[in-house]
PDB file of N, CA and C in Angstrom:
ATOM      1  N   UNK A   1      13.196  51.972  12.476  1.00  0.00           N
ATOM      2  CA  UNK A   1      12.013  51.120  12.334  1.00  0.00           C
ATOM      3  C   UNK A   1      11.499  50.797  13.696  1.00  0.00           C
ATOM      4  N   UNK A   2      10.229  50.892  13.904  1.00  0.00           N
ATOM      5  CA  UNK A   2       9.540  50.628  15.155  1.00  0.00           C
ATOM      6  C   UNK A   2       9.122  49.209  15.240  1.00  0.00           C
ATOM      7  N   UNK A   3       9.793  48.374  16.097  1.00  0.00           N
ATOM      8  CA  UNK A   3       9.517  47.008  16.214  1.00  0.00           C
ATOM      9  C   UNK A   3       8.179  46.660  16.825  1.00  0.00           C
ATOM     10  N   UNK A   4       7.620  47.609  17.632  1.00  0.00           N
ATOM     11  CA  UNK A   4       6.341  47.407  18.289  1.00  0.00           C
ATOM     12  C   UNK A   4       5.206  47.387  17.165  1.00  0.00           C
ATOM     13  N   UNK A   5       5.410  48.143  16.182  1.00  0.00           N
ATOM     14  CA  UNK A   5       4.381  48.179  15.100  1.00  0.00           C
ATOM     15  C   UNK A   5       4.438  46.871  14.367  1.00  0.00           C
ATOM     16  N   UNK A   6       5.604  46.327  14.121  1.00  0.00           N
ATOM     17  CA  UNK A   6       5.729  45.053  13.398  1.00  0.00           C
ATOM     18  C   UNK A   6       5.186  43.901  14.314  1.00  0.00           C
ATOM     19  N   UNK A   7       5.445  43.939  15.594  1.00  0.00           N
ATOM     20  CA  UNK A   7       4.984  42.913  16.444  1.00  0.00           C
ATOM     21  C   UNK A   7       3.417  42.892  16.564  1.00  0.00           C
ATOM     22  N   UNK A   8       2.829  44.005  16.378  1.00  0.00           N
ATOM     23  CA  UNK A   8       1.351  44.111  16.539  1.00  0.00           C
ATOM     24  C   UNK A   8       0.573  43.773  15.265  1.00  0.00           C
ATOM     25  N   UNK A   9       1.234  43.440  14.192  1.00  0.00           N
ATOM     26  CA  UNK A   9       0.591  43.095  12.995  1.00  0.00           C
ATOM     27  C   UNK A   9      -0.017  41.703  13.209  1.00  0.00           C
ATOM     28  N   UNK A  10      -1.373  41.618  13.045  1.00  0.00           N
ATOM     29  CA  UNK A  10      -2.055  40.341  13.405  1.00  0.00           C
ATOM     30  C   UNK A  10      -1.707  39.187  12.429  1.00  0.00           C
ATOM     31  N   UNK A  11      -1.530  39.531  11.184  1.00  0.00           N
ATOM     32  CA  UNK A  11      -1.259  38.497  10.146  1.00  0.00           C
ATOM     33  C   UNK A  11       0.142  37.944  10.327  1.00  0.00           C
ATOM     34  N   UNK A  12       1.069  38.749  10.802  1.00  0.00           N
ATOM     35  CA  UNK A  12       2.432  38.248  10.983  1.00  0.00           C
ATOM     36  C   UNK A  12       2.476  37.144  12.061  1.00  0.00           C
ATOM     37  N   UNK A  13       1.727  37.318  13.142  1.00  0.00           N
ATOM     38  CA  UNK A  13       1.737  36.268  14.128  1.00  0.00           C
ATOM     39  C   UNK A  13       1.209  34.951  13.623  1.00  0.00           C
ATOM     40  N   UNK A  14       0.069  35.031  12.804  1.00  0.00           N
ATOM     41  CA  UNK A  14      -0.540  33.841  12.207  1.00  0.00           C
ATOM     42  C   UNK A  14       0.399  33.135  11.315  1.00  0.00           C
ATOM     43  N   UNK A  15       1.171  33.915  10.476  1.00  0.00           N
ATOM     44  CA  UNK A  15       2.106  33.286   9.545  1.00  0.00           C
ATOM     45  C   UNK A  15       3.213  32.685  10.286  1.00  0.00           C
ATOM     46  N   UNK A  16       3.646  33.316  11.373  1.00  0.00           N
ATOM     47  CA  UNK A  16       4.756  32.714  12.219  1.00  0.00           C
ATOM     48  C   UNK A  16       4.359  31.413  12.842  1.00  0.00           C
ATOM     49  N   UNK A  17       3.129  31.374  13.346  1.00  0.00           N
ATOM     50  CA  UNK A  17       2.656  30.092  13.901  1.00  0.00           C
ATOM     51  C   UNK A  17       2.505  29.007  12.836  1.00  0.00           C
ATOM     52  N   UNK A  18       2.030  29.396  11.725  1.00  0.00           N
ATOM     53  CA  UNK A  18       1.908  28.429  10.591  1.00  0.00           C
ATOM     54  C   UNK A  18       3.293  27.940  10.147  1.00  0.00           C
ATOM     55  N   UNK A  19       4.257  28.817   9.951  1.00  0.00           N
ATOM     56  CA  UNK A  19       5.610  28.422   9.616  1.00  0.00           C
ATOM     57  C   UNK A  19       6.232  27.504  10.683  1.00  0.00           C
ATOM     58  N   UNK A  20       6.037  27.880  11.956  1.00  0.00           N
ATOM     59  CA  UNK A  20       6.642  27.101  13.009  1.00  0.00           C
ATOM     60  C   UNK A  20       6.011  25.671  13.058  1.00  0.00           C
ATOM     61  N   UNK A  21       4.705  25.600  12.868  1.00  0.00           N
ATOM     62  CA  UNK A  21       4.075  24.270  12.854  1.00  0.00           C
ATOM     63  C   UNK A  21       4.510  23.421  11.663  1.00  0.00           C
ATOM     64  N   UNK A  22       4.752  24.027  10.517  1.00  0.00           N
ATOM     65  CA  UNK A  22       5.265  23.314   9.362  1.00  0.00           C
ATOM     66  C   UNK A  22       6.663  22.747   9.591  1.00  0.00           C
ATOM     67  N   UNK A  23       7.534  23.549  10.220  1.00  0.00           N
ATOM     68  CA  UNK A  23       8.886  23.183  10.563  1.00  0.00           C
ATOM     69  C   UNK A  23       8.835  22.022  11.549  1.00  0.00           C
ATOM     70  N   UNK A  24       8.027  22.070  12.589  1.00  0.00           N
ATOM     71  CA  UNK A  24       7.958  21.042  13.597  1.00  0.00           C
ATOM     72  C   UNK A  24       7.402  19.781  12.981  1.00  0.00           C
ATOM     73  N   UNK A  25       6.413  19.862  12.151  1.00  0.00           N
ATOM     74  CA  UNK A  25       5.824  18.700  11.473  1.00  0.00           C
ATOM     75  C   UNK A  25       6.881  18.023  10.560  1.00  0.00           C
ATOM     76  N   UNK A  26       7.614  18.837   9.808  1.00  0.00           N
ATOM     77  CA  UNK A  26       8.675  18.222   8.963  1.00  0.00           C
ATOM     78  C   UNK A  26       9.818  17.610   9.783  1.00  0.00           C
ATOM     79  N   UNK A  27      10.115  18.213  10.943  1.00  0.00           N
ATOM     80  CA  UNK A  27      11.174  17.628  11.784  1.00  0.00           C
ATOM     81  C   UNK A  27      10.704  16.286  12.386  1.00  0.00           C
ATOM     82  N   UNK A  28       9.484  16.200  12.735  1.00  0.00           N
ATOM     83  CA  UNK A  28       8.974  14.850  13.296  1.00  0.00           C
ATOM     84  C   UNK A  28       8.985  13.836  12.148  1.00  0.00           C
ATOM     85  N   UNK A  29       8.654  14.303  10.958  1.00  0.00           N
ATOM     86  CA  UNK A  29       8.661  13.337   9.792  1.00  0.00           C
ATOM     87  C   UNK A  29      10.090  12.888   9.471  1.00  0.00           C
ATOM     88  N   UNK A  30      11.050  13.748   9.519  1.00  0.00           N
ATOM     89  CA  UNK A  30      12.427  13.353   9.263  1.00  0.00           C
ATOM     90  C   UNK A  30      12.904  12.417  10.353  1.00  0.00           C
ATOM     91  N   UNK A  31      12.581  12.663  11.624  1.00  0.00           N
ATOM     92  CA  UNK A  31      13.024  11.776  12.713  1.00  0.00           C
ATOM     93  C   UNK A  31      12.380  10.388  12.495  1.00  0.00           C
ATOM     94  N   UNK A  32      11.099  10.333  12.119  1.00  0.00           N
ATOM     95  CA  UNK A  32      10.469   9.027  11.887  1.00  0.00           C
ATOM     96  C   UNK A  32      11.102   8.305  10.802  1.00  0.00           C
ATOM     97  N   UNK A  33      11.395   8.906   9.621  1.00  0.00           N
ATOM     98  CA  UNK A  33      11.966   8.215   8.480  1.00  0.00           C
ATOM     99  C   UNK A  33      13.385   7.794   8.736  1.00  0.00           C
ATOM    100  N   UNK A  34      14.125   8.585   9.491  1.00  0.00           N
ATOM    101  CA  UNK A  34      15.500   8.155   9.839  1.00  0.00           C
ATOM    102  C   UNK A  34      15.479   6.981  10.807  1.00  0.00           C
ATOM    103  N   UNK A  35      14.566   6.999  11.744  1.00  0.00           N
ATOM    104  CA  UNK A  35      14.398   5.869  12.676  1.00  0.00           C
ATOM    105  C   UNK A  35      14.003   4.604  11.927  1.00  0.00           C
ATOM    106  N   UNK A  36      13.011   4.694  10.985  1.00  0.00           N
ATOM    107  CA  UNK A  36      12.593   3.632  10.219  1.00  0.00           C
ATOM    108  C   UNK A  36      13.737   3.057   9.343  1.00  0.00           C
ATOM    109  N   UNK A  37      14.541   3.961   8.756  1.00  0.00           N
ATOM    110  CA  UNK A  37      15.649   3.499   7.963  1.00  0.00           C
ATOM    111  C   UNK A  37      16.677   2.742   8.800  1.00  0.00           C
ATOM    112  N   UNK A  38      16.850   3.194  10.046  1.00  0.00           N
ATOM    113  CA  UNK A  38      17.767   2.517  10.910  1.00  0.00           C
ATOM    114  C   UNK A  38      17.265   1.126  11.294  1.00  0.00           C
ATOM    115  N   UNK A  39      15.978   1.010  11.486  1.00  0.00           N
ATOM    116  CA  UNK A  39      15.374  -0.308  11.861  1.00  0.00           C
ATOM    117  C   UNK A  39      15.424  -1.263  10.742  1.00  0.00           C
ATOM    118  N   UNK A  40      15.054  -0.807   9.492  1.00  0.00           N
ATOM    119  CA  UNK A  40      14.855  -1.772   8.356  1.00  0.00           C
ATOM    120  C   UNK A  40      16.144  -2.124   7.639  1.00  0.00           C
ATOM    121  N   UNK A  41      17.082  -1.237   7.534  1.00  0.00           N
ATOM    122  CA  UNK A  41      18.270  -1.483   6.717  1.00  0.00           C
ATOM    123  C   UNK A  41      18.040  -0.872   5.308  1.00  0.00           C
ATOM    124  N   UNK A  42      19.112  -0.767   4.569  1.00  0.00           N
ATOM    125  CA  UNK A  42      19.005  -0.112   3.246  1.00  0.00           C
ATOM    126  C   UNK A  42      18.099  -0.794   2.248  1.00  0.00           C
ATOM    127  N   UNK A  43      18.152  -2.142   2.195  1.00  0.00           N
ATOM    128  CA  UNK A  43      17.370  -2.817   1.145  1.00  0.00           C
ATOM    129  C   UNK A  43      15.856  -2.698   1.340  1.00  0.00           C
ATOM    130  N   UNK A  44      15.415  -2.954   2.572  1.00  0.00           N
ATOM    131  CA  UNK A  44      13.957  -2.902   2.818  1.00  0.00           C
ATOM    132  C   UNK A  44      13.476  -1.468   2.815  1.00  0.00           C
ATOM    133  N   UNK A  45      14.321  -0.519   3.281  1.00  0.00           N
ATOM    134  CA  UNK A  45      13.945   0.898   3.243  1.00  0.00           C
ATOM    135  C   UNK A  45      13.801   1.382   1.819  1.00  0.00           C
ATOM    136  N   UNK A  46      14.727   0.957   0.900  1.00  0.00           N
ATOM    137  CA  UNK A  46      14.603   1.309  -0.483  1.00  0.00           C
ATOM    138  C   UNK A  46      13.349   0.726  -1.110  1.00  0.00           C
ATOM    139  N   UNK A  47      13.007  -0.470  -0.709  1.00  0.00           N
ATOM    140  CA  UNK A  47      11.839  -1.122  -1.298  1.00  0.00           C
ATOM    141  C   UNK A  47      10.578  -0.408  -0.826  1.00  0.00           C
ATOM    142  N   UNK A  48      10.478  -0.012   0.416  1.00  0.00           N
ATOM    143  CA  UNK A  48       9.333   0.769   0.910  1.00  0.00           C
ATOM    144  C   UNK A  48       9.216   2.097   0.181  1.00  0.00           C
ATOM    145  N   UNK A  49      10.329   2.795  -0.045  1.00  0.00           N
ATOM    146  CA  UNK A  49      10.298   4.061  -0.755  1.00  0.00           C
ATOM    147  C   UNK A  49       9.901   3.875  -2.149  1.00  0.00           C
ATOM    148  N   UNK A  50      10.268   2.788  -2.763  1.00  0.00           N
ATOM    149  CA  UNK A  50       9.872   2.471  -4.144  1.00  0.00           C
ATOM    150  C   UNK A  50       8.360   2.282  -4.265  1.00  0.00           C
ATOM    151  N   UNK A  51       7.779   1.523  -3.318  1.00  0.00           N
ATOM    152  CA  UNK A  51       6.380   1.221  -3.338  1.00  0.00           C
ATOM    153  C   UNK A  51       5.573   2.542  -2.994  1.00  0.00           C
ATOM    154  N   UNK A  52       6.092   3.355  -2.120  1.00  0.00           N
ATOM    155  CA  UNK A  52       5.417   4.599  -1.787  1.00  0.00           C
ATOM    156  C   UNK A  52       5.449   5.600  -3.004  1.00  0.00           C
ATOM    157  N   UNK A  53       6.539   5.555  -3.719  1.00  0.00           N
ATOM    158  CA  UNK A  53       6.625   6.424  -4.958  1.00  0.00           C
ATOM    159  C   UNK A  53       5.604   5.984  -5.965  1.00  0.00           C
ATOM    160  N   UNK A  54       5.441   4.672  -6.138  1.00  0.00           N
ATOM    161  CA  UNK A  54       4.476   4.156  -7.094  1.00  0.00           C
ATOM    162  C   UNK A  54       3.055   4.541  -6.725  1.00  0.00           C
ATOM    163  N   UNK A  55       2.731   4.409  -5.439  1.00  0.00           N
ATOM    164  CA  UNK A  55       1.393   4.742  -5.039  1.00  0.00           C
ATOM    165  C   UNK A  55       1.146   6.251  -5.038  1.00  0.00           C
ATOM    166  N   UNK A  56       2.170   7.044  -4.766  1.00  0.00           N
ATOM    167  CA  UNK A  56       2.082   8.494  -4.820  1.00  0.00           C
ATOM    168  C   UNK A  56       1.812   8.955  -6.292  1.00  0.00           C
ATOM    169  N   UNK A  57       2.483   8.321  -7.222  1.00  0.00           N
ATOM    170  CA  UNK A  57       2.236   8.613  -8.659  1.00  0.00           C
ATOM    171  C   UNK A  57       0.818   8.262  -9.045  1.00  0.00           C
ATOM    172  N   UNK A  58       0.369   7.096  -8.626  1.00  0.00           N
ATOM    173  CA  UNK A  58      -0.990   6.676  -8.979  1.00  0.00           C
ATOM    174  C   UNK A  58      -2.053   7.594  -8.370  1.00  0.00           C
ATOM    175  N   UNK A  59      -1.832   7.986  -7.124  1.00  0.00           N
ATOM    176  CA  UNK A  59      -2.819   8.874  -6.459  1.00  0.00           C
ATOM    177  C   UNK A  59      -2.816  10.235  -7.060  1.00  0.00           C
ATOM    178  N   UNK A  60      -1.685  10.734  -7.557  1.00  0.00           N
ATOM    179  CA  UNK A  60      -1.639  12.003  -8.209  1.00  0.00           C
ATOM    180  C   UNK A  60      -2.372  11.987  -9.536  1.00  0.00           C
ATOM    181  N   UNK A  61      -2.240  10.925 -10.233  1.00  0.00           N
ATOM    182  CA  UNK A  61      -2.955  10.770 -11.532  1.00  0.00           C
ATOM    183  C   UNK A  61      -4.463  10.591 -11.229  1.00  0.00           C
ATOM    184  N   UNK A  62      -4.853   9.865 -10.201  1.00  0.00           N
ATOM    185  CA  UNK A  62      -6.266   9.611  -9.956  1.00  0.00           C
ATOM    186  C   UNK A  62      -7.031  10.823  -9.453  1.00  0.00           C
ATOM    187  N   UNK A  63      -6.307  11.766  -8.850  1.00  0.00           N
ATOM    188  CA  UNK A  63      -6.971  12.942  -8.250  1.00  0.00           C
ATOM    189  C   UNK A  63      -7.444  13.884  -9.386  1.00  0.00           C
ATOM    190  N   UNK A  64      -6.845  13.836 -10.547  1.00  0.00           N
ATOM    191  CA  UNK A  64      -7.280  14.585 -11.735  1.00  0.00           C
ATOM    192  C   UNK A  64      -7.490  16.090 -11.435  1.00  0.00           C
ATOM    193  N   UNK A  65      -6.510  16.671 -10.855  1.00  0.00           N
ATOM    194  CA  UNK A  65      -6.490  18.105 -10.515  1.00  0.00           C
ATOM    195  C   UNK A  65      -7.732  18.578  -9.756  1.00  0.00           C
ATOM    196  N   UNK A  66      -8.283  17.679  -8.937  1.00  0.00           N
ATOM    197  CA  UNK A  66      -9.432  18.008  -8.111  1.00  0.00           C
ATOM    198  C   UNK A  66      -9.199  19.022  -7.037  1.00  0.00           C
ATOM    199  N   UNK A  67      -7.956  19.116  -6.592  1.00  0.00           N
ATOM    200  CA  UNK A  67      -7.625  20.087  -5.531  1.00  0.00           C
ATOM    201  C   UNK A  67      -7.817  21.496  -6.086  1.00  0.00           C
ATOM    202  N   UNK A  68      -7.418  21.736  -7.277  1.00  0.00           N
ATOM    203  CA  UNK A  68      -7.573  23.132  -7.870  1.00  0.00           C
ATOM    204  C   UNK A  68      -9.086  23.375  -8.159  1.00  0.00           C
ATOM    205  N   UNK A  69      -9.775  22.375  -8.711  1.00  0.00           N
ATOM    206  CA  UNK A  69     -11.201  22.593  -8.974  1.00  0.00           C
ATOM    207  C   UNK A  69     -11.967  22.846  -7.704  1.00  0.00           C
ATOM    208  N   UNK A  70     -11.652  22.139  -6.588  1.00  0.00           N
ATOM    209  CA  UNK A  70     -12.337  22.321  -5.357  1.00  0.00           C
ATOM    210  C   UNK A  70     -12.075  23.762  -4.842  1.00  0.00           C
ATOM    211  N   UNK A  71     -10.848  24.187  -4.925  1.00  0.00           N
ATOM    212  CA  UNK A  71     -10.487  25.563  -4.457  1.00  0.00           C
ATOM    213  C   UNK A  71     -11.256  26.645  -5.234  1.00  0.00           C
ATOM    214  N   UNK A  72     -11.286  26.463  -6.549  1.00  0.00           N
ATOM    215  CA  UNK A  72     -11.922  27.496  -7.388  1.00  0.00           C
ATOM    216  C   UNK A  72     -13.447  27.515  -7.210  1.00  0.00           C
ATOM    217  N   UNK A  73     -14.067  26.288  -7.247  1.00  0.00           N
ATOM    218  CA  UNK A  73     -15.552  26.255  -7.198  1.00  0.00           C
ATOM    219  C   UNK A  73     -16.048  26.527  -5.764  1.00  0.00           C
ATOM    220  N   UNK A  74     -15.265  26.215  -4.726  1.00  0.00           N
ATOM    221  CA  UNK A  74     -15.669  26.527  -3.415  1.00  0.00           C
ATOM    222  C   UNK A  74     -15.677  28.028  -3.176  1.00  0.00           C
ATOM    223  N   UNK A  75     -14.674  28.712  -3.746  1.00  0.00           N
ATOM    224  CA  UNK A  75     -14.627  30.189  -3.663  1.00  0.00           C
ATOM    225  C   UNK A  75     -15.788  30.790  -4.393  1.00  0.00           C
ATOM    226  N   UNK A  76     -16.223  30.129  -5.489  1.00  0.00           N
ATOM    227  CA  UNK A  76     -17.419  30.703  -6.261  1.00  0.00           C
ATOM    228  C   UNK A  76     -18.726  30.218  -5.640  1.00  0.00           C
ATOM    229  N   UNK A  77     -18.706  29.454  -4.571  1.00  0.00           N
ATOM    230  CA  UNK A  77     -19.871  28.834  -3.913  1.00  0.00           C
ATOM    231  C   UNK A  77     -20.685  27.972  -4.819  1.00  0.00           C
ATOM    232  N   UNK A  78     -19.969  27.192  -5.654  1.00  0.00           N
ATOM    233  CA  UNK A  78     -20.613  26.182  -6.464  1.00  0.00           C
ATOM    234  C   UNK A  78     -20.482  24.840  -5.806  1.00  0.00           C
ATOM    235  N   UNK A  79     -21.589  24.120  -5.642  1.00  0.00           N
ATOM    236  CA  UNK A  79     -21.515  22.845  -4.942  1.00  0.00           C
ATOM    237  C   UNK A  79     -21.115  21.734  -5.875  1.00  0.00           C
ATOM    238  N   UNK A  80     -19.837  21.496  -5.991  1.00  0.00           N
ATOM    239  CA  UNK A  80     -19.281  20.451  -6.915  1.00  0.00           C
ATOM    240  C   UNK A  80     -18.483  19.438  -6.111  1.00  0.00           C
ATOM    241  N   UNK A  81     -18.331  19.596  -4.821  1.00  0.00           N
ATOM    242  CA  UNK A  81     -17.475  18.746  -4.022  1.00  0.00           C
ATOM    243  C   UNK A  81     -17.876  17.227  -4.098  1.00  0.00           C
ATOM    244  N   UNK A  82     -19.162  16.934  -3.977  1.00  0.00           N
ATOM    245  CA  UNK A  82     -19.561  15.539  -3.978  1.00  0.00           C
ATOM    246  C   UNK A  82     -19.263  14.904  -5.323  1.00  0.00           C
ATOM    247  N   UNK A  83     -19.425  15.643  -6.370  1.00  0.00           N
ATOM    248  CA  UNK A  83     -19.168  15.083  -7.755  1.00  0.00           C
ATOM    249  C   UNK A  83     -17.697  14.785  -7.889  1.00  0.00           C
ATOM    250  N   UNK A  84     -16.840  15.782  -7.481  1.00  0.00           N
ATOM    251  CA  UNK A  84     -15.391  15.595  -7.553  1.00  0.00           C
ATOM    252  C   UNK A  84     -14.940  14.422  -6.651  1.00  0.00           C
ATOM    253  N   UNK A  85     -15.531  14.291  -5.502  1.00  0.00           N
ATOM    254  CA  UNK A  85     -15.162  13.144  -4.592  1.00  0.00           C
ATOM    255  C   UNK A  85     -15.512  11.830  -5.228  1.00  0.00           C
ATOM    256  N   UNK A  86     -16.720  11.764  -5.821  1.00  0.00           N
ATOM    257  CA  UNK A  86     -17.086  10.492  -6.479  1.00  0.00           C
ATOM    258  C   UNK A  86     -16.154  10.166  -7.666  1.00  0.00           C
ATOM    259  N   UNK A  87     -15.811  11.137  -8.470  1.00  0.00           N
ATOM    260  CA  UNK A  87     -14.859  10.915  -9.547  1.00  0.00           C
ATOM    261  C   UNK A  87     -13.516  10.466  -9.008  1.00  0.00           C
ATOM    262  N   UNK A  88     -13.062  11.071  -7.957  1.00  0.00           N
ATOM    263  CA  UNK A  88     -11.772  10.744  -7.358  1.00  0.00           C
ATOM    264  C   UNK A  88     -11.818   9.311  -6.770  1.00  0.00           C
ATOM    265  N   UNK A  89     -12.886   8.945  -6.117  1.00  0.00           N
ATOM    266  CA  UNK A  89     -13.038   7.596  -5.531  1.00  0.00           C
ATOM    267  C   UNK A  89     -12.985   6.550  -6.655  1.00  0.00           C
ATOM    268  N   UNK A  90     -13.724   6.794  -7.763  1.00  0.00           N
ATOM    269  CA  UNK A  90     -13.793   5.848  -8.874  1.00  0.00           C
ATOM    270  C   UNK A  90     -12.389   5.729  -9.548  1.00  0.00           C
ATOM    271  N   UNK A  91     -11.705   6.833  -9.743  1.00  0.00           N
ATOM    272  CA  UNK A  91     -10.376   6.804 -10.404  1.00  0.00           C
ATOM    273  C   UNK A  91      -9.342   6.181  -9.466  1.00  0.00           C
ATOM    274  N   UNK A  92      -9.522   6.388  -8.139  1.00  0.00           N
ATOM    275  CA  UNK A  92      -8.567   5.791  -7.167  1.00  0.00           C
ATOM    276  C   UNK A  92      -8.757   4.275  -7.147  1.00  0.00           C
ATOM    277  N   UNK A  93      -9.995   3.788  -7.173  1.00  0.00           N
ATOM    278  CA  UNK A  93     -10.217   2.406  -7.194  1.00  0.00           C
ATOM    279  C   UNK A  93      -9.642   1.751  -8.477  1.00  0.00           C
ATOM    280  N   UNK A  94      -9.815   2.442  -9.603  1.00  0.00           N
ATOM    281  CA  UNK A  94      -9.302   1.976 -10.891  1.00  0.00           C
ATOM    282  C   UNK A  94      -7.772   1.936 -10.816  1.00  0.00           C
ATOM    283  N   UNK A  95      -7.150   2.951 -10.282  1.00  0.00           N
ATOM    284  CA  UNK A  95      -5.643   2.978 -10.187  1.00  0.00           C
ATOM    285  C   UNK A  95      -5.174   1.835  -9.244  1.00  0.00           C
ATOM    286  N   UNK A  96      -5.943   1.644  -8.116  1.00  0.00           N
ATOM    287  CA  UNK A  96      -5.521   0.572  -7.234  1.00  0.00           C
ATOM    288  C   UNK A  96      -5.576  -0.810  -7.883  1.00  0.00           C
ATOM    289  N   UNK A  97      -6.609  -1.058  -8.658  1.00  0.00           N
ATOM    290  CA  UNK A  97      -6.765  -2.293  -9.385  1.00  0.00           C
ATOM    291  C   UNK A  97      -5.677  -2.492 -10.414  1.00  0.00           C
ATOM    292  N   UNK A  98      -5.295  -1.456 -11.112  1.00  0.00           N
ATOM    293  CA  UNK A  98      -4.264  -1.524 -12.099  1.00  0.00           C
ATOM    294  C   UNK A  98      -2.962  -1.806 -11.447  1.00  0.00           C
ATOM    295  N   UNK A  99      -2.683  -1.124 -10.336  1.00  0.00           N
ATOM    296  CA  UNK A  99      -1.357  -1.385  -9.623  1.00  0.00           C
ATOM    297  C   UNK A  99      -1.353  -2.792  -9.019  1.00  0.00           C
ATOM    298  N   UNK A 100      -2.527  -3.250  -8.565  1.00  0.00           N
ATOM    299  CA  UNK A 100      -2.569  -4.602  -8.036  1.00  0.00           C
ATOM    300  C   UNK A 100      -2.214  -5.624  -9.040  1.00  0.00           C
ATOM    301  N   UNK A 101      -2.803  -5.520 -10.254  1.00  0.00           N
ATOM    302  CA  UNK A 101      -2.553  -6.520 -11.308  1.00  0.00           C
ATOM    303  C   UNK A 101      -1.110  -6.349 -11.928  1.00  0.00           C
ATOM    304  N   UNK A 102      -0.586  -5.137 -11.866  1.00  0.00           N
ATOM    305  CA  UNK A 102       0.811  -4.935 -12.406  1.00  0.00           C
ATOM    306  C   UNK A 102       1.859  -5.474 -11.508  1.00  0.00           C
ATOM    307  N   UNK A 103       1.683  -5.299 -10.187  1.00  0.00           N
ATOM    308  CA  UNK A 103       2.762  -5.672  -9.262  1.00  0.00           C
ATOM    309  C   UNK A 103       2.558  -6.928  -8.417  1.00  0.00           C
ATOM    310  N   UNK A 104       1.406  -7.572  -8.716  1.00  0.00           N
ATOM    311  CA  UNK A 104       1.145  -8.816  -7.946  1.00  0.00           C
ATOM    312  C   UNK A 104       1.672 -10.044  -8.689  1.00  0.00           C
ATOM    313  N   UNK A 105       2.352 -10.903  -7.999  1.00  0.00           N
ATOM    314  CA  UNK A 105       2.862 -12.161  -8.620  1.00  0.00           C
ATOM    315  C   UNK A 105       1.841 -13.271  -8.443  1.00  0.00           C
ATOM    316  N   UNK A 106       1.258 -13.671  -9.537  1.00  0.00           N
ATOM    317  CA  UNK A 106       0.249 -14.761  -9.495  1.00  0.00           C
ATOM    318  C   UNK A 106       0.947 -16.113  -9.556  1.00  0.00           C
TER     319      UNK A 106
END
């Protein structure tokens, strides 16, 4: 197998850079979360993760598969982004209000 031919494939270099950047980004994230866990202690760290999980769940529901719709309609050159953004903003505000009233102690 001729390695020079493999090295000269333009897409392979782009995929390598993309993979390397994803690995570096994940490594930075791991270092940050381990440092944060060390600073806060187990109880506070668990509480933060619990709250992040709740907000992640609410944001996933509020996005209403807009990512897939944007990808499909942008490829078809249909201008639907502003409508999907408006729907997402309204549903995100609704989810935020629901979470506020569910988890706030009055």
